[in-house]
Amino acid sequence: MIFDTLAFAKKLKVAGFSDLQAETLAEAQAELLDEQIVSRQYFDLRIKELELKIESRASDIIKWVAAMLVAQAAVIAALVKLL
């Protein structure tokens, strides 16, 4: 996104702002937009990081479920031997 500070300042001058006021507001608006805008690359990077975290959590869950199944089988085998 490109913000045209000159065009914005001209519009403010037409609306009755002084040259100094218009230029100051245009610069302030440009700084705010620069701070607020997230680039596509930044967004894609954050999504990839989240996907990696989700994948690692999913593998952890699979490991826990497999361990619980083995433990459950051992408990059932022990109960069958006792009966």
C-alpha atoms as a PDB file:
ATOM      1  CA  MET A   1       0.000   0.000   0.000  1.00  0.00           C
ATOM      2  CA  ILE A   2       1.389   3.357  -1.017  1.00  0.00           C
ATOM      3  CA  PHE A   3       0.358   6.475   0.871  1.00  0.00           C
ATOM      4  CA  ASP A   4       0.778   9.690  -1.077  1.00  0.00           C
ATOM      5  CA  THR A   5       1.686  12.249   1.582  1.00  0.00           C
ATOM      6  CA  LEU A   6       1.823  15.095  -0.942  1.00  0.00           C
ATOM      7  CA  ALA A   7      -1.705  14.473  -2.204  1.00  0.00           C
ATOM      8  CA  PHE A   8      -2.947  14.120   1.368  1.00  0.00           C
ATOM      9  CA  ALA A   9      -1.283  17.395   2.399  1.00  0.00           C
ATOM     10  CA  LYS A  10      -2.784  19.159  -0.630  1.00  0.00           C
ATOM     11  CA  LYS A  11      -6.266  17.928   0.307  1.00  0.00           C
ATOM     12  CA  LEU A  12      -5.757  19.203   3.843  1.00  0.00           C
ATOM     13  CA  LYS A  13      -4.626  22.604   2.528  1.00  0.00           C
ATOM     14  CA  VAL A  14      -7.751  22.807   0.348  1.00  0.00           C
ATOM     15  CA  ALA A  15      -9.811  21.991   3.428  1.00  0.00           C
ATOM     16  CA  GLY A  16      -8.311  24.969   5.254  1.00  0.00           C
ATOM     17  CA  PHE A  17      -5.271  23.616   7.057  1.00  0.00           C
ATOM     18  CA  SER A  18      -2.086  25.662   7.079  1.00  0.00           C
ATOM     19  CA  ASP A  19       0.971  24.377   5.203  1.00  0.00           C
ATOM     20  CA  LEU A  20       2.669  23.338   8.444  1.00  0.00           C
ATOM     21  CA  GLN A  21      -0.432  21.580   9.776  1.00  0.00           C
ATOM     22  CA  ALA A  22      -1.046  19.735   6.521  1.00  0.00           C
ATOM     23  CA  GLU A  23       2.565  18.570   6.201  1.00  0.00           C
ATOM     24  CA  THR A  24       2.737  17.510   9.851  1.00  0.00           C
ATOM     25  CA  LEU A  25      -0.490  15.530   9.625  1.00  0.00           C
ATOM     26  CA  ALA A  26       0.605  13.888   6.372  1.00  0.00           C
ATOM     27  CA  GLU A  27       3.921  12.805   7.907  1.00  0.00           C
ATOM     28  CA  ALA A  28       2.215  11.535  11.049  1.00  0.00           C
ATOM     29  CA  GLN A  29      -0.299   9.562   8.981  1.00  0.00           C
ATOM     30  CA  ALA A  30       2.504   8.031   6.890  1.00  0.00           C
ATOM     31  CA  GLU A  31       4.357   6.952  10.059  1.00  0.00           C
ATOM     32  CA  LEU A  32       1.210   5.370  11.493  1.00  0.00           C
ATOM     33  CA  LEU A  33       0.562   3.457   8.306  1.00  0.00           C
ATOM     34  CA  ASP A  34       4.154   2.219   8.173  1.00  0.00           C
ATOM     35  CA  GLU A  35       3.796   0.870  11.708  1.00  0.00           C
ATOM     36  CA  GLN A  36       0.372  -0.695  11.098  1.00  0.00           C
ATOM     37  CA  ILE A  37       0.934  -2.415   7.765  1.00  0.00           C
ATOM     38  CA  VAL A  38       2.068  -6.012   7.832  1.00  0.00           C
ATOM     39  CA  SER A  39       3.811  -7.257   4.726  1.00  0.00           C
ATOM     40  CA  ARG A  40       2.759 -10.444   2.990  1.00  0.00           C
ATOM     41  CA  GLN A  41       6.197 -11.953   3.682  1.00  0.00           C
ATOM     42  CA  TYR A  42       5.863 -11.285   7.424  1.00  0.00           C
ATOM     43  CA  PHE A  43       2.384 -12.804   7.433  1.00  0.00           C
ATOM     44  CA  ASP A  44       3.542 -15.889   5.513  1.00  0.00           C
ATOM     45  CA  LEU A  45       6.479 -16.346   7.891  1.00  0.00           C
ATOM     46  CA  ARG A  46       4.204 -16.231  10.942  1.00  0.00           C
ATOM     47  CA  ILE A  47       1.816 -18.747   9.364  1.00  0.00           C
ATOM     48  CA  LYS A  48       4.693 -21.143   8.655  1.00  0.00           C
ATOM     49  CA  GLU A  49       5.848 -20.830  12.279  1.00  0.00           C
ATOM     50  CA  LEU A  50       2.347 -21.660  13.513  1.00  0.00           C
ATOM     51  CA  GLU A  51       2.094 -24.623  11.147  1.00  0.00           C
ATOM     52  CA  LEU A  52       5.383 -25.994  12.491  1.00  0.00           C
ATOM     53  CA  LYS A  53       4.175 -25.619  16.073  1.00  0.00           C
ATOM     54  CA  ILE A  54       0.920 -27.383  15.236  1.00  0.00           C
ATOM     55  CA  GLU A  55       2.804 -30.228  13.545  1.00  0.00           C
ATOM     56  CA  SER A  56       5.104 -30.688  16.535  1.00  0.00           C
ATOM     57  CA  ARG A  57       2.130 -30.696  18.918  1.00  0.00           C
ATOM     58  CA  ALA A  58       0.334 -33.219  16.734  1.00  0.00           C
ATOM     59  CA  SER A  59       3.329 -35.580  16.815  1.00  0.00           C
ATOM     60  CA  ASP A  60       3.495 -35.191  20.611  1.00  0.00           C
ATOM     61  CA  ILE A  61      -0.180 -36.118  20.879  1.00  0.00           C
ATOM     62  CA  ILE A  62       0.323 -39.172  18.669  1.00  0.00           C
ATOM     63  CA  LYS A  63       3.220 -40.309  20.870  1.00  0.00           C
ATOM     64  CA  TRP A  64       1.095 -39.914  24.022  1.00  0.00           C
ATOM     65  CA  VAL A  65      -1.844 -41.774  22.506  1.00  0.00           C
ATOM     66  CA  ALA A  66       0.410 -44.624  21.400  1.00  0.00           C
ATOM     67  CA  ALA A  67       1.948 -44.825  24.878  1.00  0.00           C
ATOM     68  CA  MET A  68      -1.498 -44.847  26.476  1.00  0.00           C
ATOM     69  CA  LEU A  69      -2.627 -47.658  24.164  1.00  0.00           C
ATOM     70  CA  VAL A  70       0.395 -49.739  25.163  1.00  0.00           C
ATOM     71  CA  ALA A  71      -0.229 -48.997  28.843  1.00  0.00           C
ATOM     72  CA  GLN A  72      -3.915 -49.871  28.454  1.00  0.00           C
ATOM     73  CA  ALA A  73      -3.020 -53.178  26.778  1.00  0.00           C
ATOM     74  CA  ALA A  74      -0.620 -53.964  29.622  1.00  0.00           C
ATOM     75  CA  VAL A  75      -3.281 -53.215  32.239  1.00  0.00           C
ATOM     76  CA  ILE A  76      -5.830 -55.384  30.430  1.00  0.00           C
ATOM     77  CA  ALA A  77      -3.318 -58.229  30.100  1.00  0.00           C
ATOM     78  CA  ALA A  78      -2.538 -57.992  33.824  1.00  0.00           C
ATOM     79  CA  LEU A  79      -6.239 -58.048  34.708  1.00  0.00           C
ATOM     80  CA  VAL A  80      -6.859 -61.058  32.479  1.00  0.00           C
ATOM     81  CA  LYS A  81      -4.034 -62.964  34.210  1.00  0.00           C
ATOM     82  CA  LEU A  82      -5.452 -62.121  37.627  1.00  0.00           C
ATOM     83  CA  LEU A  83      -8.903 -63.414  36.746  1.00  0.00           C
END
